[in-house]
């Protein structure tokens, strides 16, 4: 019988695309991919290290894995593995730690599953991590996360990603287009473009060869792609030409996720972000001018060092007055080897939590208000194969979440629906008359 391998992914969409690619390497080597609870011979845990909580989650996942399969071989990869290999190697039960450059050579390192007294560590300095390895998620017939860029040349004071993933580097446009064609041929109808700093696409061997806009135009010509989404793009890299192109494209969806991090210019300066809030206002205005129904998501960090009550209220009011659709709220946590960790005037933990709660409430308000603007309109929903309490879900072109009674015929199908009502729990239901209730 073949050996069994199970995967657990922490963190971003980019990690999910890479986990799927690593899974295919195991399958080619003769391993069977199984569920986490199916007593695997090997566990591969792909880690994130954006927040302190992500580190704690890694340790908890290792502990749970060994409860399920005490003799399994446990390998840790990902950002946490690059940043703190020694710390991870000392977690009881961990057998191998692979850094950013080594994770895609995992089969070469894991041929012998004999557990050693000490964990094996393979971890190059991040300065030597300069090769781009393409990845895409596979297994969900509806949507694929396609990695086109990795690493980051920015120096935000709170972020460890450049330390974990290295310098900015990209795939070629030709290879991305080739992969998109392969993905479409497998039956997938939506591709989500992912990267660490997606808008910085085009750097290879330290030199800029293309722009993200060049990739957007090339992918828009690929026959068979029903939908393309841009996972996240910095406001200073979201150009007028990108916005204008998306507004007339049949493949790129009217949905942008644009990190803000703070609505206060003083805090943006302390973060070393490459824009002021006035630019963000301009980007939102440009999008809404051309695509009034466009969905806009926002990343925001609360509790950054030096953030006074007045600074936070400034951010809150800024977001409240901004025509955006939802928020991803992150509570600031100190990360080793970042400038922010050494900054004066840290915000007390309880205050950070209170501010986070306020913005989560604002997020609910924003999402509901956006959904309300979509009532009495017709749009296409791409239905997914998830089942919860007898219902399935899908998303409109502009990311309104819709739910309907489960019907296997609807899975991975685009269906035109009419949005009629917001229900108490916030999702969308399809009635027998094919009306949709937006929750």
Protein backbone atom coordinates (compact mmCIF):
# COMPACT_ATOMS: atom_id res chain seq x y z
CA UNK A 1 0.00 0.00 0.00
CA UNK A 2 1.12 3.56 -0.70
CA UNK A 3 2.18 5.80 2.16
CA UNK A 4 -0.38 8.41 3.18
CA UNK A 5 0.24 12.16 3.51
CA UNK A 6 -1.99 14.86 4.99
CA UNK A 7 -1.64 18.63 4.78
CA UNK A 8 -2.63 21.54 6.98
CA UNK A 9 -2.32 25.12 5.76
CA UNK A 10 -2.16 28.23 7.91
CA UNK A 11 -2.34 31.73 6.49
CA UNK A 12 -2.95 33.26 3.10
CA UNK A 13 -4.23 32.15 -0.30
CA UNK A 14 -0.63 32.01 -1.49
CA UNK A 15 0.08 29.31 1.10
CA UNK A 16 -2.92 27.32 -0.13
CA UNK A 17 -1.65 27.40 -3.71
CA UNK A 18 1.79 26.22 -2.55
CA UNK A 19 0.37 23.45 -0.36
CA UNK A 20 -1.55 22.12 -3.34
CA UNK A 21 1.61 22.12 -5.46
CA UNK A 22 3.55 20.29 -2.74
CA UNK A 23 0.69 17.78 -2.59
CA UNK A 24 1.10 17.04 -6.29
CA UNK A 25 4.82 16.39 -5.69
CA UNK A 26 3.87 13.77 -3.09
CA UNK A 27 1.32 12.19 -5.43
CA UNK A 28 3.93 11.87 -8.19
CA UNK A 29 6.23 10.20 -5.64
CA UNK A 30 3.57 7.55 -4.91
CA UNK A 31 1.92 8.98 -1.79
CA UNK A 32 -1.86 9.09 -1.34
CA UNK A 33 -3.27 12.36 -0.05
CA UNK A 34 -5.71 11.78 2.82
CA UNK A 35 -7.64 13.82 5.36
CA UNK A 36 -5.82 15.10 8.42
CA UNK A 37 -7.70 12.62 10.63
CA UNK A 38 -7.03 9.56 8.45
CA UNK A 39 -3.91 8.37 10.37
CA UNK A 40 -1.38 9.57 7.75
CA UNK A 41 2.24 8.46 7.64
CA UNK A 42 3.37 12.03 6.95
CA UNK A 43 1.99 15.39 8.04
CA UNK A 44 3.04 18.53 6.17
CA UNK A 45 2.13 21.75 7.95
CA UNK A 46 2.47 24.92 5.87
CA UNK A 47 2.86 27.83 8.26
CA UNK A 48 2.24 31.56 8.39
CA UNK A 49 3.97 34.03 10.66
CA UNK A 50 2.05 37.25 10.07
CA UNK A 51 0.89 37.33 13.69
CA UNK A 52 1.91 35.77 16.97
CA UNK A 53 -1.33 33.80 16.94
CA UNK A 54 -0.22 32.04 13.72
CA UNK A 55 2.88 30.75 15.53
CA UNK A 56 0.75 29.38 18.36
CA UNK A 57 -1.56 27.69 15.85
CA UNK A 58 1.39 25.84 14.34
CA UNK A 59 2.32 24.32 17.70
CA UNK A 60 -1.28 23.33 18.33
CA UNK A 61 -1.61 21.64 14.92
CA UNK A 62 1.55 19.58 15.58
CA UNK A 63 0.14 18.46 18.92
CA UNK A 64 -3.18 17.43 17.37
CA UNK A 65 -1.43 15.62 14.51
CA UNK A 66 0.49 13.43 16.93
CA UNK A 67 -2.69 12.57 18.80
CA UNK A 68 -4.13 11.24 15.53
CA UNK A 69 -1.02 9.43 14.31
CA UNK A 70 1.69 9.28 17.03
CA UNK A 71 4.33 7.71 14.76
CA UNK A 72 3.77 10.00 11.78
CA UNK A 73 6.61 11.99 10.25
CA UNK A 74 5.94 15.71 10.82
CA UNK A 75 7.41 18.31 8.46
CA UNK A 76 6.99 22.06 8.86
CA UNK A 77 7.31 24.42 5.88
CA UNK A 78 6.33 28.02 5.17
CA UNK A 79 7.08 31.47 6.56
CA UNK A 80 7.39 30.43 10.21
CA UNK A 81 9.80 27.67 9.15
CA UNK A 82 12.01 30.24 7.38
CA UNK A 83 11.95 32.76 10.22
CA UNK A 84 12.35 30.48 13.25
CA UNK A 85 13.71 27.08 12.19
CA UNK A 86 15.47 26.39 15.51
CA UNK A 87 12.36 27.20 17.53
CA UNK A 88 10.24 24.91 15.38
CA UNK A 89 12.79 22.10 15.48
CA UNK A 90 12.42 22.03 19.26
CA UNK A 91 8.64 21.49 19.15
CA UNK A 92 8.06 17.92 20.39
CA UNK A 93 7.25 15.60 17.51
CA UNK A 94 8.61 17.73 14.67
CA UNK A 95 10.92 15.69 12.41
CA UNK A 96 11.89 18.15 9.67
CA UNK A 97 11.89 21.89 9.02
CA UNK A 98 12.20 23.23 5.47
CA UNK A 99 12.85 26.87 4.65
CA UNK A 100 11.56 28.94 1.74
CA UNK A 101 14.08 27.59 -0.77
CA UNK A 102 13.78 23.96 0.32
CA UNK A 103 10.01 23.37 0.61
CA UNK A 104 9.59 22.49 -3.06
CA UNK A 105 12.41 19.93 -2.78
CA UNK A 106 10.52 18.22 0.04
CA UNK A 107 10.46 14.82 -1.69
CA UNK A 108 14.26 14.81 -1.94
CA UNK A 109 14.51 15.40 1.80
CA UNK A 110 11.70 13.15 3.00
CA UNK A 111 12.52 9.84 1.28
CA UNK A 112 13.49 8.23 4.60
CA UNK A 113 10.64 8.49 7.11
CA UNK A 114 12.75 7.26 10.01
CA UNK A 115 12.27 9.52 13.01
CA UNK A 116 15.57 10.88 14.36
CA UNK A 117 16.41 12.02 17.91
CA UNK A 118 16.62 15.60 16.61
CA UNK A 119 14.63 17.34 13.91
CA UNK A 120 16.39 17.82 10.59
CA UNK A 121 16.63 21.46 9.48
CA UNK A 122 17.20 22.64 5.91
CA UNK A 123 17.09 26.40 5.79
CA UNK A 124 19.09 28.74 3.53
CA UNK A 125 19.44 32.45 4.37
CA UNK A 126 16.51 34.31 2.83
CA UNK A 127 18.97 36.43 0.82
CA UNK A 128 19.71 33.31 -1.22
CA UNK A 129 16.03 32.65 -1.93
CA UNK A 130 15.72 34.08 -5.43
CA UNK A 131 14.03 31.44 -7.57
CA UNK A 132 10.36 31.73 -8.47
CA UNK A 133 8.43 28.46 -8.11
CA UNK A 134 5.00 28.49 -9.72
CA UNK A 135 2.04 27.07 -7.79
CA UNK A 136 -1.70 26.75 -8.01
CA UNK A 137 -4.36 25.15 -5.86
CA UNK A 138 -6.20 22.14 -7.18
CA UNK A 139 -9.13 20.06 -5.99
CA UNK A 140 -11.82 22.72 -5.82
CA UNK A 141 -13.50 22.53 -9.24
CA UNK A 142 -14.92 26.02 -8.81
CA UNK A 143 -11.91 28.20 -7.98
CA UNK A 144 -8.12 28.02 -8.25
CA UNK A 145 -5.54 30.25 -6.54
CA UNK A 146 -2.77 30.85 -9.08
CA UNK A 147 0.54 32.16 -7.72
CA UNK A 148 2.21 34.57 -10.16
CA UNK A 149 4.51 36.56 -7.85
CA UNK A 150 6.49 35.93 -4.65
CA UNK A 151 8.58 37.94 -2.19
CA UNK A 152 8.52 41.67 -1.46
CA UNK A 153 10.93 44.60 -1.81
CA UNK A 154 8.89 46.88 0.45
CA UNK A 155 10.04 47.61 3.98
CA UNK A 156 6.87 48.11 6.03
CA UNK A 157 7.95 48.35 9.66
CA UNK A 158 5.46 45.73 10.94
CA UNK A 159 6.02 43.01 8.37
CA UNK A 160 8.20 39.87 8.40
CA UNK A 161 7.25 38.69 4.92
CA UNK A 162 10.42 39.99 3.19
CA UNK A 163 12.42 38.12 5.86
CA UNK A 164 10.41 34.95 5.25
CA UNK A 165 10.02 34.99 1.47
CA UNK A 166 12.87 37.13 0.13
CA UNK A 167 12.97 39.67 -2.67
CA UNK A 168 10.20 40.28 -5.20
CA UNK A 169 10.24 37.89 -8.15
CA UNK A 170 7.70 36.70 -10.68
CA UNK A 171 6.66 34.07 -13.16
CA UNK A 172 6.72 34.87 -16.88
CA UNK A 173 3.56 36.01 -18.59
CA UNK A 174 3.86 33.14 -21.06
CA UNK A 175 4.00 30.52 -18.30
CA UNK A 176 1.11 32.08 -16.36
CA UNK A 177 -1.02 32.01 -19.51
CA UNK A 178 -0.05 28.37 -20.12
CA UNK A 179 -1.04 27.44 -16.56
CA UNK A 180 -4.31 29.33 -16.91
CA UNK A 181 -5.15 27.27 -19.98
CA UNK A 182 -4.37 24.04 -18.10
CA UNK A 183 -6.53 25.14 -15.18
CA UNK A 184 -9.47 25.97 -17.47
CA UNK A 185 -9.11 22.60 -19.22
CA UNK A 186 -9.58 20.88 -15.84
CA UNK A 187 -13.03 22.45 -15.48
CA UNK A 188 -12.24 25.31 -13.11
CA UNK A 189 -14.26 28.45 -13.86
CA UNK A 190 -12.61 31.04 -11.59
CA UNK A 191 -8.93 31.90 -11.22
CA UNK A 192 -7.74 34.07 -8.33
CA UNK A 193 -4.34 35.67 -8.97
CA UNK A 194 -2.16 35.59 -5.87
CA UNK A 195 1.23 36.85 -4.74
CA UNK A 196 2.94 38.53 -1.81
CA UNK A 197 2.94 41.91 -3.58
CA UNK A 198 0.86 41.12 -6.63
CA UNK A 199 0.97 44.57 -8.19
CA UNK A 200 4.78 44.34 -8.27
CA UNK A 201 4.57 41.50 -10.80
CA UNK A 202 7.22 41.55 -13.52
CA UNK A 203 10.58 41.32 -11.73
CA UNK A 204 12.87 38.46 -12.76
CA UNK A 205 16.53 38.10 -11.77
CA UNK A 206 16.31 41.45 -10.01
CA UNK A 207 15.22 43.35 -13.13
CA UNK A 208 11.79 44.56 -14.13
CA UNK A 209 10.71 42.93 -17.38
CA UNK A 210 6.92 43.38 -17.32
CA UNK A 211 4.15 45.14 -15.44
CA UNK A 212 1.14 43.63 -13.73
CA UNK A 213 -1.02 45.39 -16.31
CA UNK A 214 0.73 43.39 -19.05
CA UNK A 215 -0.28 40.16 -17.29
CA UNK A 216 -3.87 41.36 -16.88
CA UNK A 217 -4.18 42.08 -20.60
CA UNK A 218 -2.65 38.72 -21.56
CA UNK A 219 -4.95 36.71 -19.28
CA UNK A 220 -7.99 38.54 -20.57
CA UNK A 221 -7.29 36.97 -23.98
CA UNK A 222 -7.28 33.35 -22.71
CA UNK A 223 -10.31 31.55 -24.10
CA UNK A 224 -12.41 29.57 -21.64
CA UNK A 225 -11.72 31.52 -18.46
CA UNK A 226 -15.08 32.53 -17.03
CA UNK A 227 -13.79 34.62 -14.15
CA UNK A 228 -10.53 36.14 -12.91
CA UNK A 229 -10.12 37.91 -9.57
CA UNK A 230 -7.20 39.98 -8.30
CA UNK A 231 -6.63 38.74 -4.74
CA UNK A 232 -4.99 41.88 -3.29
CA UNK A 233 -3.15 44.87 -4.72
CA UNK A 234 -1.40 47.82 -3.04
CA UNK A 235 -3.16 51.17 -3.63
CA UNK A 236 0.01 52.75 -5.06
CA UNK A 237 0.25 49.92 -7.61
CA UNK A 238 -3.42 49.96 -8.59
CA UNK A 239 -3.16 52.24 -11.61
CA UNK A 240 -5.88 53.99 -13.59
CA UNK A 241 -5.13 51.74 -16.57
CA UNK A 242 -5.78 48.60 -14.48
CA UNK A 243 -9.05 50.00 -13.11
CA UNK A 244 -10.19 51.16 -16.55
CA UNK A 245 -9.34 47.80 -18.12
CA UNK A 246 -11.19 45.79 -15.45
CA UNK A 247 -14.23 48.02 -15.87
CA UNK A 248 -14.65 46.85 -19.49
CA UNK A 249 -13.34 43.27 -19.13
CA UNK A 250 -15.66 40.28 -19.36
CA UNK A 251 -13.25 38.06 -17.42
CA UNK A 252 -11.87 40.25 -14.63
CA UNK A 253 -14.47 40.63 -11.90
CA UNK A 254 -15.55 44.00 -10.43
CA UNK A 255 -13.90 43.21 -7.10
CA UNK A 256 -10.73 44.71 -5.62
CA UNK A 257 -9.07 43.99 -2.30
CA UNK A 258 -6.83 46.96 -1.46
CA UNK A 259 -4.73 47.03 1.75
CA UNK A 260 -5.03 50.30 3.65
CA UNK A 261 -3.60 49.34 7.11
CA UNK A 262 -4.44 52.75 8.64
CA UNK A 263 -6.65 55.69 7.80
CA UNK A 264 -4.35 58.05 9.69
CA UNK A 265 -1.40 59.57 7.82
CA UNK A 266 0.82 59.70 10.90
CA UNK A 267 0.45 55.97 11.43
CA UNK A 268 0.90 55.28 7.71
CA UNK A 269 4.22 57.13 7.97
CA UNK A 270 5.29 55.05 10.99
CA UNK A 271 4.36 51.92 9.06
CA UNK A 272 6.44 53.11 6.06
CA UNK A 273 3.55 52.60 3.72
CA UNK A 274 4.14 54.06 0.27
CA UNK A 275 1.06 56.30 0.10
CA UNK A 276 -1.11 58.63 2.14
CA UNK A 277 -4.79 58.17 2.72
CA UNK A 278 -5.60 60.76 0.07
CA UNK A 279 -4.34 58.33 -2.59
CA UNK A 280 -6.63 55.63 -1.19
CA UNK A 281 -9.61 58.00 -1.47
CA UNK A 282 -8.64 58.64 -5.09
CA UNK A 283 -8.43 54.91 -5.91
CA UNK A 284 -11.85 54.18 -4.41
CA UNK A 285 -13.37 57.16 -6.22
CA UNK A 286 -11.90 56.03 -9.55
CA UNK A 287 -13.24 52.50 -9.10
CA UNK A 288 -16.72 53.65 -8.13
CA UNK A 289 -16.83 56.16 -10.98
CA UNK A 290 -16.34 53.38 -13.54
CA UNK A 291 -17.89 50.46 -11.61
CA UNK A 292 -20.53 51.73 -9.16
CA UNK A 293 -21.38 48.16 -8.09
CA UNK A 294 -17.74 47.09 -7.58
CA UNK A 295 -16.94 45.33 -4.32
CA UNK A 296 -13.95 46.82 -2.46
CA UNK A 297 -12.30 45.05 0.48
CA UNK A 298 -9.87 46.71 2.89
CA UNK A 299 -7.06 45.41 5.13
CA UNK A 300 -6.60 47.47 8.30
CA UNK A 301 -4.33 47.05 11.35
CA UNK A 302 -5.37 48.29 14.80
CA UNK A 303 -3.14 48.96 17.80
CA UNK A 304 0.06 49.87 15.94
CA UNK A 305 2.71 51.42 18.25
CA UNK A 306 2.01 55.10 18.74
CA UNK A 307 -1.66 54.83 17.68
CA UNK A 308 -3.48 57.16 20.07
CA UNK A 309 -7.19 57.13 20.66
CA UNK A 310 -7.46 60.15 18.36
CA UNK A 311 -5.49 58.34 15.64
CA UNK A 312 -7.78 55.33 15.85
CA UNK A 313 -10.94 57.47 15.76
CA UNK A 314 -9.48 59.18 12.71
CA UNK A 315 -9.09 55.76 11.03
CA UNK A 316 -12.58 54.70 12.11
CA UNK A 317 -14.20 57.85 10.73
CA UNK A 318 -12.17 57.59 7.54
CA UNK A 319 -13.36 54.03 6.92
CA UNK A 320 -16.92 54.84 7.94
CA UNK A 321 -17.07 57.56 5.28
CA UNK A 322 -15.39 55.48 2.58
CA UNK A 323 -17.46 53.70 -0.07
CA UNK A 324 -16.01 50.24 0.61
CA UNK A 325 -17.72 46.88 1.05
CA UNK A 326 -15.96 44.95 3.83
CA UNK A 327 -12.91 45.02 6.11
CA UNK A 328 -10.24 42.49 7.04
CA UNK A 329 -9.19 43.59 10.52
CA UNK A 330 -5.80 42.61 11.97
CA UNK A 331 -4.77 43.26 15.56
CA UNK A 332 -1.14 44.39 15.61
CA UNK A 333 1.30 41.96 17.23
CA UNK A 334 5.01 42.47 17.74
CA UNK A 335 7.23 40.46 15.38
CA UNK A 336 10.91 39.90 16.01
CA UNK A 337 13.39 41.70 13.76
CA UNK A 338 10.91 44.36 12.69
CA UNK A 339 11.32 48.08 13.36
CA UNK A 340 7.81 48.37 14.76
CA UNK A 341 8.63 45.92 17.58
CA UNK A 342 11.14 48.45 18.93
CA UNK A 343 8.95 51.51 18.56
CA UNK A 344 7.88 53.49 21.65
CA UNK A 345 4.35 53.86 22.99
CA UNK A 346 2.98 50.35 22.47
CA UNK A 347 -0.81 50.09 22.69
CA UNK A 348 -2.11 47.94 25.59
CA UNK A 349 -3.51 44.57 24.52
CA UNK A 350 -6.98 45.28 25.89
CA UNK A 351 -7.12 48.52 23.91
CA UNK A 352 -6.08 46.70 20.74
CA UNK A 353 -8.88 44.19 21.32
CA UNK A 354 -11.47 46.95 21.86
CA UNK A 355 -10.45 48.72 18.67
CA UNK A 356 -10.57 45.47 16.74
CA UNK A 357 -14.10 44.83 17.98
CA UNK A 358 -15.21 48.28 16.86
CA UNK A 359 -13.89 47.71 13.35
CA UNK A 360 -15.43 44.24 13.12
CA UNK A 361 -18.80 45.81 13.91
CA UNK A 362 -18.12 48.46 11.27
CA UNK A 363 -17.27 45.67 8.80
CA UNK A 364 -20.66 44.04 9.36
CA UNK A 365 -22.32 47.40 8.81
CA UNK A 366 -20.35 48.03 5.61
CA UNK A 367 -21.06 44.60 4.16
CA UNK A 368 -24.79 44.87 4.85
CA UNK A 369 -24.91 48.36 3.36
CA UNK A 370 -23.14 47.13 0.22
CA UNK A 371 -25.48 44.18 -0.10
CA UNK A 372 -28.45 46.53 0.25
CA UNK A 373 -27.27 48.47 -2.82
CA UNK A 374 -27.45 45.22 -4.83
CA UNK A 375 -31.10 44.45 -4.10
CA UNK A 376 -33.46 44.22 -7.08
CA UNK A 377 -30.52 43.57 -9.41
CA UNK A 378 -29.72 40.49 -11.46
CA UNK A 379 -26.24 38.94 -11.51
CA UNK A 380 -24.50 35.65 -12.18
CA UNK A 381 -23.58 33.38 -9.27
CA UNK A 382 -20.89 30.71 -9.46
CA UNK A 383 -22.04 27.99 -7.07
CA UNK A 384 -19.58 25.99 -4.97
CA UNK A 385 -19.80 22.44 -3.70
CA UNK A 386 -19.93 23.19 0.01
CA UNK A 387 -22.92 21.96 2.04
CA UNK A 388 -23.98 23.43 5.37
CA UNK A 389 -27.35 22.73 6.96
CA UNK A 390 -28.70 21.67 3.57
CA UNK A 391 -27.55 24.83 1.80
CA UNK A 392 -24.81 25.61 -0.74
CA UNK A 393 -23.14 28.93 -1.44
CA UNK A 394 -21.80 30.96 -4.31
CA UNK A 395 -20.66 34.46 -5.20
CA UNK A 396 -21.87 37.02 -7.69
CA UNK A 397 -19.42 38.75 -10.01
CA UNK A 398 -19.01 41.49 -7.41
CA UNK A 399 -18.61 39.10 -4.47
CA UNK A 400 -22.08 39.12 -2.94
CA UNK A 401 -22.44 35.83 -1.07
CA UNK A 402 -25.51 33.85 -2.09
CA UNK A 403 -26.97 30.67 -0.64
CA UNK A 404 -29.43 28.18 -2.05
CA UNK A 405 -30.84 24.80 -1.12
CA UNK A 406 -28.22 22.22 -2.04
CA UNK A 407 -28.54 20.87 -5.55
CA UNK A 408 -25.62 18.87 -6.98
CA UNK A 409 -26.55 20.06 -10.48
CA UNK A 410 -25.69 23.64 -9.47
CA UNK A 411 -22.08 22.86 -8.38
CA UNK A 412 -19.58 24.77 -10.52
CA UNK A 413 -22.41 26.31 -12.54
CA UNK A 414 -22.98 29.96 -13.37
CA UNK A 415 -26.61 30.86 -12.78
CA UNK A 416 -28.36 34.17 -13.33
CA UNK A 417 -30.26 35.19 -10.20
CA UNK A 418 -32.23 38.12 -8.87
CA UNK A 419 -31.27 39.65 -5.53
CA UNK A 420 -34.38 40.51 -3.59
CA UNK A 421 -33.85 40.56 0.15
CA UNK A 422 -31.30 40.61 2.97
CA UNK A 423 -32.06 37.89 5.51
CA UNK A 424 -31.19 37.93 9.20
CA UNK A 425 -27.92 36.00 8.91
CA UNK A 426 -26.45 37.88 5.97
CA UNK A 427 -26.20 35.27 3.16
CA UNK A 428 -28.30 34.86 0.03
CA UNK A 429 -31.02 32.28 -0.57
CA UNK A 430 -32.57 31.17 -3.86
CA UNK A 431 -36.27 30.47 -3.68
CA UNK A 432 -38.14 28.20 -6.08
CA UNK A 433 -38.88 31.28 -8.18
CA UNK A 434 -35.11 31.74 -8.43
CA UNK A 435 -35.11 34.90 -6.37
CA UNK A 436 -32.18 35.53 -4.08
CA UNK A 437 -32.18 36.75 -0.55
CA UNK A 438 -29.02 38.61 0.36
CA UNK A 439 -27.98 38.00 3.96
